[in-house]
Amino acid sequence: MVKKINWDKLPAEQVTPDMTRKMIFGDKVMIAKMTFKDGFIVPWHSHENEQLSEVISGTIRFWFNNNEEEHIDVQAGESLVIPGNVPHKALIIGEVVATDTFSPPRRDWIDGTDDYLKGK
């Protein structure tokens, strides 16, 4: 079934006091549009899903494979491809708007069991 969706009409989920997100997903792909406050940390995690992160404004600093000595800064207009099952962590630098695209869709985000992100 074809669906037309307007981001502005989707409800925003307040994931934490420093993060909101909106999600659109089908059977095989998901895109999430997120806003973050400066200093928010996405803790170490991994998932089977391939991830494409695009920074619209601000900067996100990523670390990979449990190594905090080397990082990659992704700035506005840049994207990053993260293969499935690669451990990663991120720091939000400045006010950030970003999208993450996942294949397959993140079931933990859809059903609300993404406790690693919510600090539980």
PDB file of N, CA and C in Angstrom:
ATOM      1  N   MET A   1       0.833  -1.169   0.000  1.00  0.00           N
ATOM      2  CA  MET A   1       0.000   0.000   0.000  1.00  0.00           C
ATOM      3  C   MET A   1       0.890   1.249   0.000  1.00  0.00           C
ATOM      4  N   VAL A   2       0.566   2.198  -0.804  1.00  0.00           N
ATOM      5  CA  VAL A   2       1.299   3.455  -0.887  1.00  0.00           C
ATOM      6  C   VAL A   2       0.786   4.387   0.202  1.00  0.00           C
ATOM      7  N   LYS A   3       1.715   5.021   0.930  1.00  0.00           N
ATOM      8  CA  LYS A   3       1.344   5.960   1.990  1.00  0.00           C
ATOM      9  C   LYS A   3       2.042   7.288   1.754  1.00  0.00           C
ATOM     10  N   LYS A   4       1.319   8.369   1.915  1.00  0.00           N
ATOM     11  CA  LYS A   4       1.896   9.709   1.871  1.00  0.00           C
ATOM     12  C   LYS A   4       1.933  10.222   3.307  1.00  0.00           C
ATOM     13  N   ILE A   5       3.097  10.680   3.744  1.00  0.00           N
ATOM     14  CA  ILE A   5       3.275  11.089   5.140  1.00  0.00           C
ATOM     15  C   ILE A   5       3.925  12.465   5.188  1.00  0.00           C
ATOM     16  N   ASN A   6       3.424  13.315   6.049  1.00  0.00           N
ATOM     17  CA  ASN A   6       3.967  14.658   6.262  1.00  0.00           C
ATOM     18  C   ASN A   6       4.671  14.668   7.619  1.00  0.00           C
ATOM     19  N   TRP A   7       5.989  14.899   7.620  1.00  0.00           N
ATOM     20  CA  TRP A   7       6.751  14.921   8.875  1.00  0.00           C
ATOM     21  C   TRP A   7       6.124  15.878   9.886  1.00  0.00           C
ATOM     22  N   ASP A   8       5.662  17.034   9.428  1.00  0.00           N
ATOM     23  CA  ASP A   8       5.119  18.045  10.345  1.00  0.00           C
ATOM     24  C   ASP A   8       3.857  17.582  11.051  1.00  0.00           C
ATOM     25  N   LYS A   9       3.170  16.586  10.498  1.00  0.00           N
ATOM     26  CA  LYS A   9       1.925  16.111  11.104  1.00  0.00           C
ATOM     27  C   LYS A   9       2.120  14.874  11.979  1.00  0.00           C
ATOM     28  N   LEU A  10       3.325  14.329  11.991  1.00  0.00           N
ATOM     29  CA  LEU A  10       3.606  13.174  12.848  1.00  0.00           C
ATOM     30  C   LEU A  10       3.837  13.626  14.285  1.00  0.00           C
ATOM     31  N   PRO A  11       3.335  12.885  15.260  1.00  0.00           N
ATOM     32  CA  PRO A  11       3.615  13.238  16.657  1.00  0.00           C
ATOM     33  C   PRO A  11       5.076  12.958  16.992  1.00  0.00           C
ATOM     34  N   ALA A  12       5.665  13.824  17.796  1.00  0.00           N
ATOM     35  CA  ALA A  12       7.049  13.636  18.240  1.00  0.00           C
ATOM     36  C   ALA A  12       7.049  12.852  19.547  1.00  0.00           C
ATOM     37  N   GLU A  13       7.896  11.831  19.603  1.00  0.00           N
ATOM     38  CA  GLU A  13       8.074  11.056  20.828  1.00  0.00           C
ATOM     39  C   GLU A  13       9.193  11.705  21.643  1.00  0.00           C
ATOM     40  N   GLN A  14       8.918  12.014  22.904  1.00  0.00           N
ATOM     41  CA  GLN A  14       9.939  12.559  23.803  1.00  0.00           C
ATOM     42  C   GLN A  14      10.666  11.369  24.411  1.00  0.00           C
ATOM     43  N   VAL A  15      11.749  10.941  23.776  1.00  0.00           N
ATOM     44  CA  VAL A  15      12.477   9.743  24.191  1.00  0.00           C
ATOM     45  C   VAL A  15      13.160   9.969  25.531  1.00  0.00           C
ATOM     46  N   THR A  16      13.822  11.113  25.670  1.00  0.00           N
ATOM     47  CA  THR A  16      14.435  11.563  26.920  1.00  0.00           C
ATOM     48  C   THR A  16      14.221  13.068  26.968  1.00  0.00           C
ATOM     49  N   PRO A  17      14.554  13.736  28.072  1.00  0.00           N
ATOM     50  CA  PRO A  17      14.426  15.199  28.082  1.00  0.00           C
ATOM     51  C   PRO A  17      15.279  15.883  27.004  1.00  0.00           C
ATOM     52  N   ASP A  18      16.312  15.187  26.499  1.00  0.00           N
ATOM     53  CA  ASP A  18      17.234  15.772  25.529  1.00  0.00           C
ATOM     54  C   ASP A  18      17.095  15.206  24.115  1.00  0.00           C
ATOM     55  N   MET A  19      16.084  14.365  23.880  1.00  0.00           N
ATOM     56  CA  MET A  19      15.934  13.737  22.555  1.00  0.00           C
ATOM     57  C   MET A  19      14.465  13.551  22.204  1.00  0.00           C
ATOM     58  N   THR A  20      14.122  13.981  20.987  1.00  0.00           N
ATOM     59  CA  THR A  20      12.800  13.674  20.435  1.00  0.00           C
ATOM     60  C   THR A  20      12.995  12.975  19.096  1.00  0.00           C
ATOM     61  N   ARG A  21      11.982  12.195  18.692  1.00  0.00           N
ATOM     62  CA  ARG A  21      12.072  11.530  17.393  1.00  0.00           C
ATOM     63  C   ARG A  21      10.681  11.317  16.807  1.00  0.00           C
ATOM     64  N   LYS A  22      10.685  11.246  15.476  1.00  0.00           N
ATOM     65  CA  LYS A  22       9.524  10.868  14.689  1.00  0.00           C
ATOM     66  C   LYS A  22       9.987   9.734  13.784  1.00  0.00           C
ATOM     67  N   MET A  23       9.098   8.764  13.542  1.00  0.00           N
ATOM     68  CA  MET A  23       9.507   7.603  12.749  1.00  0.00           C
ATOM     69  C   MET A  23       8.497   7.301  11.651  1.00  0.00           C
ATOM     70  N   ILE A  24       9.029   6.910  10.513  1.00  0.00           N
ATOM     71  CA  ILE A  24       8.237   6.376   9.409  1.00  0.00           C
ATOM     72  C   ILE A  24       8.880   5.032   9.058  1.00  0.00           C
ATOM     73  N   PHE A  25       8.046   3.992   8.909  1.00  0.00           N
ATOM     74  CA  PHE A  25       8.632   2.698   8.572  1.00  0.00           C
ATOM     75  C   PHE A  25       7.667   1.867   7.736  1.00  0.00           C
ATOM     76  N   GLY A  26       8.288   1.020   6.934  1.00  0.00           N
ATOM     77  CA  GLY A  26       7.573   0.040   6.148  1.00  0.00           C
ATOM     78  C   GLY A  26       8.015  -1.339   6.590  1.00  0.00           C
ATOM     79  N   ASP A  27       7.905  -2.298   5.698  1.00  0.00           N
ATOM     80  CA  ASP A  27       8.302  -3.663   6.039  1.00  0.00           C
ATOM     81  C   ASP A  27       9.811  -3.845   6.080  1.00  0.00           C
ATOM     82  N   LYS A  28      10.558  -3.082   5.234  1.00  0.00           N
ATOM     83  CA  LYS A  28      11.985  -3.340   5.091  1.00  0.00           C
ATOM     84  C   LYS A  28      12.890  -2.159   5.400  1.00  0.00           C
ATOM     85  N   VAL A  29      12.317  -0.998   5.647  1.00  0.00           N
ATOM     86  CA  VAL A  29      13.145   0.183   5.906  1.00  0.00           C
ATOM     87  C   VAL A  29      12.429   1.112   6.887  1.00  0.00           C
ATOM     88  N   MET A  30      13.224   1.863   7.637  1.00  0.00           N
ATOM     89  CA  MET A  30      12.712   2.830   8.605  1.00  0.00           C
ATOM     90  C   MET A  30      13.561   4.083   8.525  1.00  0.00           C
ATOM     91  N   ILE A  31      12.914   5.229   8.682  1.00  0.00           N
ATOM     92  CA  ILE A  31      13.648   6.481   8.824  1.00  0.00           C
ATOM     93  C   ILE A  31      13.126   7.189  10.063  1.00  0.00           C
ATOM     94  N   ALA A  32      14.053   7.684  10.861  1.00  0.00           N
ATOM     95  CA  ALA A  32      13.703   8.426  12.067  1.00  0.00           C
ATOM     96  C   ALA A  32      14.319   9.812  11.966  1.00  0.00           C
ATOM     97  N   LYS A  33      13.523  10.829  12.257  1.00  0.00           N
ATOM     98  CA  LYS A  33      14.009  12.209  12.298  1.00  0.00           C
ATOM     99  C   LYS A  33      14.079  12.605  13.768  1.00  0.00           C
ATOM    100  N   MET A  34      15.257  13.049  14.194  1.00  0.00           N
ATOM    101  CA  MET A  34      15.504  13.286  15.615  1.00  0.00           C
ATOM    102  C   MET A  34      16.051  14.679  15.877  1.00  0.00           C
ATOM    103  N   THR A  35      15.767  15.174  17.064  1.00  0.00           N
ATOM    104  CA  THR A  35      16.394  16.400  17.558  1.00  0.00           C
ATOM    105  C   THR A  35      17.058  16.063  18.890  1.00  0.00           C
ATOM    106  N   PHE A  36      18.226  16.653  19.102  1.00  0.00           N
ATOM    107  CA  PHE A  36      19.003  16.400  20.312  1.00  0.00           C
ATOM    108  C   PHE A  36      19.495  17.718  20.904  1.00  0.00           C
ATOM    109  N   LYS A  37      19.596  17.750  22.221  1.00  0.00           N
ATOM    110  CA  LYS A  37      20.227  18.879  22.896  1.00  0.00           C
ATOM    111  C   LYS A  37      21.717  18.593  23.050  1.00  0.00           C
ATOM    112  N   ASP A  38      22.490  19.661  23.119  1.00  0.00           N
ATOM    113  CA  ASP A  38      23.945  19.575  23.265  1.00  0.00           C
ATOM    114  C   ASP A  38      24.321  18.696  24.454  1.00  0.00           C
ATOM    115  N   GLY A  39      25.290  17.815  24.242  1.00  0.00           N
ATOM    116  CA  GLY A  39      25.829  16.989  25.319  1.00  0.00           C
ATOM    117  C   GLY A  39      25.160  15.638  25.483  1.00  0.00           C
ATOM    118  N   PHE A  40      24.070  15.379  24.773  1.00  0.00           N
ATOM    119  CA  PHE A  40      23.404  14.084  24.883  1.00  0.00           C
ATOM    120  C   PHE A  40      24.349  12.984  24.420  1.00  0.00           C
ATOM    121  N   ILE A  41      24.340  11.869  25.133  1.00  0.00           N
ATOM    122  CA  ILE A  41      25.189  10.725  24.771  1.00  0.00           C
ATOM    123  C   ILE A  41      24.308   9.535  24.425  1.00  0.00           C
ATOM    124  N   VAL A  42      24.543   8.985  23.245  1.00  0.00           N
ATOM    125  CA  VAL A  42      23.944   7.706  22.868  1.00  0.00           C
ATOM    126  C   VAL A  42      24.932   6.646  23.349  1.00  0.00           C
ATOM    127  N   PRO A  43      24.557   5.828  24.346  1.00  0.00           N
ATOM    128  CA  PRO A  43      25.519   4.885  24.917  1.00  0.00           C
ATOM    129  C   PRO A  43      25.907   3.771  23.946  1.00  0.00           C
ATOM    130  N   TRP A  44      26.972   3.051  24.314  1.00  0.00           N
ATOM    131  CA  TRP A  44      27.431   1.921  23.506  1.00  0.00           C
ATOM    132  C   TRP A  44      26.277   0.960  23.255  1.00  0.00           C
ATOM    133  N   HIS A  45      26.123   0.557  22.007  1.00  0.00           N
ATOM    134  CA  HIS A  45      25.117  -0.418  21.628  1.00  0.00           C
ATOM    135  C   HIS A  45      25.453  -0.957  20.242  1.00  0.00           C
ATOM    136  N   SER A  46      24.791  -2.009  19.852  1.00  0.00           N
ATOM    137  CA  SER A  46      24.881  -2.514  18.485  1.00  0.00           C
ATOM    138  C   SER A  46      23.536  -3.132  18.142  1.00  0.00           C
ATOM    139  N   HIS A  47      23.302  -3.322  16.866  1.00  0.00           N
ATOM    140  CA  HIS A  47      22.054  -3.901  16.389  1.00  0.00           C
ATOM    141  C   HIS A  47      22.312  -4.522  15.029  1.00  0.00           C
ATOM    142  N   GLU A  48      21.438  -5.443  14.657  1.00  0.00           N
ATOM    143  CA  GLU A  48      21.598  -6.143  13.380  1.00  0.00           C
ATOM    144  C   GLU A  48      21.386  -5.229  12.185  1.00  0.00           C
ATOM    145  N   ASN A  49      20.722  -4.106  12.403  1.00  0.00           N
ATOM    146  CA  ASN A  49      20.285  -3.235  11.317  1.00  0.00           C
ATOM    147  C   ASN A  49      21.432  -2.421  10.733  1.00  0.00           C
ATOM    148  N   GLU A  50      21.487  -2.362   9.401  1.00  0.00           N
ATOM    149  CA  GLU A  50      22.375  -1.405   8.759  1.00  0.00           C
ATOM    150  C   GLU A  50      21.807  -0.013   9.032  1.00  0.00           C
ATOM    151  N   GLN A  51      22.676   0.957   9.275  1.00  0.00           N
ATOM    152  CA  GLN A  51      22.241   2.302   9.661  1.00  0.00           C
ATOM    153  C   GLN A  51      22.919   3.350   8.788  1.00  0.00           C
ATOM    154  N   LEU A  52      22.125   4.280   8.289  1.00  0.00           N
ATOM    155  CA  LEU A  52      22.651   5.457   7.593  1.00  0.00           C
ATOM    156  C   LEU A  52      22.253   6.664   8.418  1.00  0.00           C
ATOM    157  N   SER A  53      23.234   7.386   8.926  1.00  0.00           N
ATOM    158  CA  SER A  53      22.980   8.581   9.732  1.00  0.00           C
ATOM    159  C   SER A  53      23.320   9.810   8.916  1.00  0.00           C
ATOM    160  N   GLU A  54      22.390  10.759   8.878  1.00  0.00           N
ATOM    161  CA  GLU A  54      22.604  12.025   8.180  1.00  0.00           C
ATOM    162  C   GLU A  54      22.416  13.155   9.175  1.00  0.00           C
ATOM    163  N   VAL A  55      23.412  14.026   9.283  1.00  0.00           N
ATOM    164  CA  VAL A  55      23.326  15.180  10.169  1.00  0.00           C
ATOM    165  C   VAL A  55      22.822  16.367   9.362  1.00  0.00           C
ATOM    166  N   ILE A  56      21.719  16.935   9.814  1.00  0.00           N
ATOM    167  CA  ILE A  56      21.121  18.091   9.140  1.00  0.00           C
ATOM    168  C   ILE A  56      21.662  19.385   9.728  1.00  0.00           C
ATOM    169  N   SER A  57      21.824  19.424  11.058  1.00  0.00           N
ATOM    170  CA  SER A  57      22.454  20.579  11.711  1.00  0.00           C
ATOM    171  C   SER A  57      23.190  20.095  12.949  1.00  0.00           C
ATOM    172  N   GLY A  58      24.272  20.801  13.298  1.00  0.00           N
ATOM    173  CA  GLY A  58      25.091  20.409  14.440  1.00  0.00           C
ATOM    174  C   GLY A  58      26.136  19.372  14.052  1.00  0.00           C
ATOM    175  N   THR A  59      26.665  18.679  15.056  1.00  0.00           N
ATOM    176  CA  THR A  59      27.713  17.673  14.862  1.00  0.00           C
ATOM    177  C   THR A  59      27.439  16.487  15.769  1.00  0.00           C
ATOM    178  N   ILE A  60      27.653  15.287  15.239  1.00  0.00           N
ATOM    179  CA  ILE A  60      27.601  14.073  16.052  1.00  0.00           C
ATOM    180  C   ILE A  60      28.969  13.413  15.994  1.00  0.00           C
ATOM    181  N   ARG A  61      29.531  13.143  17.161  1.00  0.00           N
ATOM    182  CA  ARG A  61      30.823  12.440  17.270  1.00  0.00           C
ATOM    183  C   ARG A  61      30.540  10.962  17.541  1.00  0.00           C
ATOM    184  N   PHE A  62      31.064  10.084  16.688  1.00  0.00           N
ATOM    185  CA  PHE A  62      30.862   8.649  16.819  1.00  0.00           C
ATOM    186  C   PHE A  62      32.155   7.943  17.203  1.00  0.00           C
ATOM    187  N   TRP A  63      32.020   6.912  18.027  1.00  0.00           N
ATOM    188  CA  TRP A  63      33.091   5.971  18.335  1.00  0.00           C
ATOM    189  C   TRP A  63      32.605   4.589  17.925  1.00  0.00           C
ATOM    190  N   PHE A  64      33.555   3.707  17.559  1.00  0.00           N
ATOM    191  CA  PHE A  64      33.192   2.387  17.062  1.00  0.00           C
ATOM    192  C   PHE A  64      34.007   1.287  17.718  1.00  0.00           C
ATOM    193  N   ASN A  65      33.420   0.094  17.755  1.00  0.00           N
ATOM    194  CA  ASN A  65      34.088  -1.126  18.213  1.00  0.00           C
ATOM    195  C   ASN A  65      34.692  -0.987  19.601  1.00  0.00           C
ATOM    196  N   ASN A  66      33.962  -0.315  20.492  1.00  0.00           N
ATOM    197  CA  ASN A  66      34.356  -0.140  21.894  1.00  0.00           C
ATOM    198  C   ASN A  66      35.715   0.548  22.050  1.00  0.00           C
ATOM    199  N   ASN A  67      36.092   1.348  21.060  1.00  0.00           N
ATOM    200  CA  ASN A  67      37.347   2.090  21.085  1.00  0.00           C
ATOM    201  C   ASN A  67      37.034   3.580  21.231  1.00  0.00           C
ATOM    202  N   GLU A  68      37.356   4.142  22.400  1.00  0.00           N
ATOM    203  CA  GLU A  68      37.078   5.560  22.624  1.00  0.00           C
ATOM    204  C   GLU A  68      38.290   6.444  22.347  1.00  0.00           C
ATOM    205  N   GLU A  69      39.337   5.882  21.761  1.00  0.00           N
ATOM    206  CA  GLU A  69      40.524   6.670  21.441  1.00  0.00           C
ATOM    207  C   GLU A  69      40.416   7.340  20.078  1.00  0.00           C
ATOM    208  N   GLU A  70      39.642   6.760  19.170  1.00  0.00           N
ATOM    209  CA  GLU A  70      39.478   7.326  17.831  1.00  0.00           C
ATOM    210  C   GLU A  70      38.000   7.588  17.587  1.00  0.00           C
ATOM    211  N   HIS A  71      37.712   8.719  16.937  1.00  0.00           N
ATOM    212  CA  HIS A  71      36.317   9.060  16.669  1.00  0.00           C
ATOM    213  C   HIS A  71      36.171   9.633  15.260  1.00  0.00           C
ATOM    214  N   ILE A  72      34.919   9.694  14.829  1.00  0.00           N
ATOM    215  CA  ILE A  72      34.571  10.332  13.558  1.00  0.00           C
ATOM    216  C   ILE A  72      33.524  11.385  13.860  1.00  0.00           C
ATOM    217  N   ASP A  73      33.782  12.634  13.484  1.00  0.00           N
ATOM    218  CA  ASP A  73      32.802  13.711  13.627  1.00  0.00           C
ATOM    219  C   ASP A  73      32.027  13.839  12.321  1.00  0.00           C
ATOM    220  N   VAL A  74      30.701  13.801  12.429  1.00  0.00           N
ATOM    221  CA  VAL A  74      29.824  13.949  11.272  1.00  0.00           C
ATOM    222  C   VAL A  74      29.093  15.270  11.439  1.00  0.00           C
ATOM    223  N   GLN A  75      29.293  16.169  10.473  1.00  0.00           N
ATOM    224  CA  GLN A  75      28.749  17.524  10.571  1.00  0.00           C
ATOM    225  C   GLN A  75      27.596  17.708   9.602  1.00  0.00           C
ATOM    226  N   ALA A  76      26.924  18.854   9.724  1.00  0.00           N
ATOM    227  CA  ALA A  76      25.782  19.162   8.871  1.00  0.00           C
ATOM    228  C   ALA A  76      26.124  18.922   7.406  1.00  0.00           C
ATOM    229  N   GLY A  77      25.253  18.209   6.714  1.00  0.00           N
ATOM    230  CA  GLY A  77      25.465  17.905   5.301  1.00  0.00           C
ATOM    231  C   GLY A  77      26.230  16.623   5.058  1.00  0.00           C
ATOM    232  N   GLU A  78      26.680  15.968   6.134  1.00  0.00           N
ATOM    233  CA  GLU A  78      27.445  14.730   5.997  1.00  0.00           C
ATOM    234  C   GLU A  78      26.618  13.538   6.482  1.00  0.00           C
ATOM    235  N   SER A  79      26.982  12.368   5.974  1.00  0.00           N
ATOM    236  CA  SER A  79      26.310  11.125   6.356  1.00  0.00           C
ATOM    237  C   SER A  79      27.347  10.073   6.714  1.00  0.00           C
ATOM    238  N   LEU A  80      26.883   9.041   7.397  1.00  0.00           N
ATOM    239  CA  LEU A  80      27.749   7.952   7.837  1.00  0.00           C
ATOM    240  C   LEU A  80      26.987   6.652   7.646  1.00  0.00           C
ATOM    241  N   VAL A  81      27.643   5.634   7.099  1.00  0.00           N
ATOM    242  CA  VAL A  81      27.049   4.312   6.944  1.00  0.00           C
ATOM    243  C   VAL A  81      27.659   3.403   8.001  1.00  0.00           C
ATOM    244  N   ILE A  82      26.807   2.810   8.830  1.00  0.00           N
ATOM    245  CA  ILE A  82      27.256   1.914   9.900  1.00  0.00           C
ATOM    246  C   ILE A  82      26.720   0.511   9.589  1.00  0.00           C
ATOM    247  N   PRO A  83      27.609  -0.447   9.313  1.00  0.00           N
ATOM    248  CA  PRO A  83      27.139  -1.813   9.053  1.00  0.00           C
ATOM    249  C   PRO A  83      26.450  -2.407  10.284  1.00  0.00           C
ATOM    250  N   GLY A  84      25.623  -3.412  10.059  1.00  0.00           N
ATOM    251  CA  GLY A  84      24.973  -4.091  11.170  1.00  0.00           C
ATOM    252  C   GLY A  84      25.982  -4.734  12.103  1.00  0.00           C
ATOM    253  N   ASN A  85      25.615  -4.825  13.384  1.00  0.00           N
ATOM    254  CA  ASN A  85      26.385  -5.495  14.437  1.00  0.00           C
ATOM    255  C   ASN A  85      27.714  -4.822  14.778  1.00  0.00           C
ATOM    256  N   VAL A  86      27.885  -3.555  14.413  1.00  0.00           N
ATOM    257  CA  VAL A  86      29.093  -2.814  14.785  1.00  0.00           C
ATOM    258  C   VAL A  86      28.787  -1.986  16.042  1.00  0.00           C
ATOM    259  N   PRO A  87      29.465  -2.258  17.164  1.00  0.00           N
ATOM    260  CA  PRO A  87      29.228  -1.464  18.367  1.00  0.00           C
ATOM    261  C   PRO A  87      29.575   0.003  18.115  1.00  0.00           C
ATOM    262  N   HIS A  88      28.717   0.907  18.602  1.00  0.00           N
ATOM    263  CA  HIS A  88      28.970   2.333  18.427  1.00  0.00           C
ATOM    264  C   HIS A  88      28.349   3.141  19.558  1.00  0.00           C
ATOM    265  N   LYS A  89      28.889   4.341  19.723  1.00  0.00           N
ATOM    266  CA  LYS A  89      28.487   5.298  20.752  1.00  0.00           C
ATOM    267  C   LYS A  89      28.535   6.669  20.083  1.00  0.00           C
ATOM    268  N   ALA A  90      27.743   7.624  20.577  1.00  0.00           N
ATOM    269  CA  ALA A  90      27.747   8.949  19.954  1.00  0.00           C
ATOM    270  C   ALA A  90      27.578  10.043  20.993  1.00  0.00           C
ATOM    271  N   LEU A  91      28.174  11.203  20.702  1.00  0.00           N
ATOM    272  CA  LEU A  91      28.046  12.412  21.511  1.00  0.00           C
ATOM    273  C   LEU A  91      27.470  13.500  20.634  1.00  0.00           C
ATOM    274  N   ILE A  92      26.448  14.174  21.126  1.00  0.00           N
ATOM    275  CA  ILE A  92      25.818  15.273  20.409  1.00  0.00           C
ATOM    276  C   ILE A  92      26.569  16.560  20.747  1.00  0.00           C
ATOM    277  N   ILE A  93      27.014  17.267  19.709  1.00  0.00           N
ATOM    278  CA  ILE A  93      27.767  18.509  19.883  1.00  0.00           C
ATOM    279  C   ILE A  93      26.933  19.633  19.279  1.00  0.00           C
ATOM    280  N   GLY A  94      26.427  20.505  20.133  1.00  0.00           N
ATOM    281  CA  GLY A  94      25.521  21.562  19.695  1.00  0.00           C
ATOM    282  C   GLY A  94      24.099  21.020  19.606  1.00  0.00           C
ATOM    283  N   GLU A  95      23.183  21.865  19.192  1.00  0.00           N
ATOM    284  CA  GLU A  95      21.804  21.417  18.950  1.00  0.00           C
ATOM    285  C   GLU A  95      21.823  20.669  17.621  1.00  0.00           C
ATOM    286  N   VAL A  96      21.340  19.439  17.612  1.00  0.00           N
ATOM    287  CA  VAL A  96      21.452  18.592  16.425  1.00  0.00           C
ATOM    288  C   VAL A  96      20.076  18.168  15.922  1.00  0.00           C
ATOM    289  N   VAL A  97      19.934  18.215  14.608  1.00  0.00           N
ATOM    290  CA  VAL A  97      18.820  17.578  13.909  1.00  0.00           C
ATOM    291  C   VAL A  97      19.461  16.551  12.989  1.00  0.00           C
ATOM    292  N   ALA A  98      18.954  15.325  13.031  1.00  0.00           N
ATOM    293  CA  ALA A  98      19.551  14.249  12.241  1.00  0.00           C
ATOM    294  C   ALA A  98      18.478  13.250  11.837  1.00  0.00           C
ATOM    295  N   THR A  99      18.779  12.477  10.802  1.00  0.00           N
ATOM    296  CA  THR A  99      17.936  11.342  10.445  1.00  0.00           C
ATOM    297  C   THR A  99      18.777  10.078  10.493  1.00  0.00           C
ATOM    298  N   ASP A 100      18.156   9.006  10.934  1.00  0.00           N
ATOM    299  CA  ASP A 100      18.744   7.673  10.864  1.00  0.00           C
ATOM    300  C   ASP A 100      17.820   6.816  10.021  1.00  0.00           C
ATOM    301  N   THR A 101      18.394   6.124   9.061  1.00  0.00           N
ATOM    302  CA  THR A 101      17.652   5.189   8.236  1.00  0.00           C
ATOM    303  C   THR A 101      18.168   3.794   8.568  1.00  0.00           C
ATOM    304  N   PHE A 102      17.261   2.872   8.802  1.00  0.00           N
ATOM    305  CA  PHE A 102      17.619   1.513   9.201  1.00  0.00           C
ATOM    306  C   PHE A 102      16.980   0.499   8.264  1.00  0.00           C
ATOM    307  N   SER A 103      17.739  -0.560   7.986  1.00  0.00           N
ATOM    308  CA  SER A 103      17.189  -1.709   7.286  1.00  0.00           C
ATOM    309  C   SER A 103      17.728  -2.962   7.957  1.00  0.00           C
ATOM    310  N   PRO A 104      16.854  -3.854   8.406  1.00  0.00           N
ATOM    311  CA  PRO A 104      15.410  -3.706   8.505  1.00  0.00           C
ATOM    312  C   PRO A 104      15.041  -2.684   9.577  1.00  0.00           C
ATOM    313  N   PRO A 105      13.743  -2.353   9.715  1.00  0.00           N
ATOM    314  CA  PRO A 105      13.326  -1.397  10.748  1.00  0.00           C
ATOM    315  C   PRO A 105      13.744  -1.857  12.146  1.00  0.00           C
ATOM    316  N   ARG A 106      14.003  -0.896  13.020  1.00  0.00           N
ATOM    317  CA  ARG A 106      14.380  -1.175  14.415  1.00  0.00           C
ATOM    318  C   ARG A 106      13.136  -1.535  15.219  1.00  0.00           C
ATOM    319  N   ARG A 107      12.920  -2.798  15.469  1.00  0.00           N
ATOM    320  CA  ARG A 107      11.740  -3.247  16.235  1.00  0.00           C
ATOM    321  C   ARG A 107      11.757  -2.684  17.651  1.00  0.00           C
ATOM    322  N   ASP A 108      12.958  -2.547  18.265  1.00  0.00           N
ATOM    323  CA  ASP A 108      13.019  -2.013  19.630  1.00  0.00           C
ATOM    324  C   ASP A 108      12.555  -0.560  19.676  1.00  0.00           C
ATOM    325  N   TRP A 109      12.799   0.215  18.612  1.00  0.00           N
ATOM    326  CA  TRP A 109      12.311   1.596  18.557  1.00  0.00           C
ATOM    327  C   TRP A 109      10.800   1.618  18.351  1.00  0.00           C
ATOM    328  N   ILE A 110      10.303   0.718  17.530  1.00  0.00           N
ATOM    329  CA  ILE A 110       8.875   0.682  17.232  1.00  0.00           C
ATOM    330  C   ILE A 110       8.071   0.264  18.465  1.00  0.00           C
ATOM    331  N   ASP A 111       8.547  -0.756  19.179  1.00  0.00           N
ATOM    332  CA  ASP A 111       7.767  -1.248  20.320  1.00  0.00           C
ATOM    333  C   ASP A 111       8.162  -0.624  21.658  1.00  0.00           C
ATOM    334  N   GLY A 112       9.139   0.312  21.639  1.00  0.00           N
ATOM    335  CA  GLY A 112       9.499   1.045  22.854  1.00  0.00           C
ATOM    336  C   GLY A 112      10.407   0.313  23.820  1.00  0.00           C
ATOM    337  N   THR A 113      11.077  -0.758  23.359  1.00  0.00           N
ATOM    338  CA  THR A 113      11.975  -1.494  24.251  1.00  0.00           C
ATOM    339  C   THR A 113      13.438  -1.072  24.113  1.00  0.00           C
ATOM    340  N   ASP A 114      13.664   0.121  23.586  1.00  0.00           N
ATOM    341  CA  ASP A 114      15.030   0.631  23.397  1.00  0.00           C
ATOM    342  C   ASP A 114      15.537   1.298  24.675  1.00  0.00           C
ATOM    343  N   ASP A 115      15.587   0.498  25.761  1.00  0.00           N
ATOM    344  CA  ASP A 115      15.952   1.018  27.073  1.00  0.00           C
ATOM    345  C   ASP A 115      17.369   1.570  27.127  1.00  0.00           C
ATOM    346  N   TYR A 116      18.301   1.049  26.309  1.00  0.00           N
ATOM    347  CA  TYR A 116      19.671   1.566  26.290  1.00  0.00           C
ATOM    348  C   TYR A 116      19.677   3.063  25.993  1.00  0.00           C
ATOM    349  N   LEU A 117      18.755   3.508  25.166  1.00  0.00           N
ATOM    350  CA  LEU A 117      18.696   4.905  24.739  1.00  0.00           C
ATOM    351  C   LEU A 117      18.010   5.770  25.781  1.00  0.00           C
ATOM    352  N   LYS A 118      17.095   5.183  26.514  1.00  0.00           N
ATOM    353  CA  LYS A 118      16.288   5.918  27.491  1.00  0.00           C
ATOM    354  C   LYS A 118      16.933   5.958  28.869  1.00  0.00           C
ATOM    355  N   GLY A 119      18.129   5.357  28.987  1.00  0.00           N
ATOM    356  CA  GLY A 119      18.853   5.395  30.252  1.00  0.00           C
ATOM    357  C   GLY A 119      18.287   4.467  31.305  1.00  0.00           C
ATOM    358  N   LYS A 120      17.615   3.414  30.882  1.00  0.00           N
ATOM    359  CA  LYS A 120      17.015   2.460  31.838  1.00  0.00           C
ATOM    360  C   LYS A 120      17.888   1.257  32.021  1.00  0.00           C
TER     361      LYS A 120
END
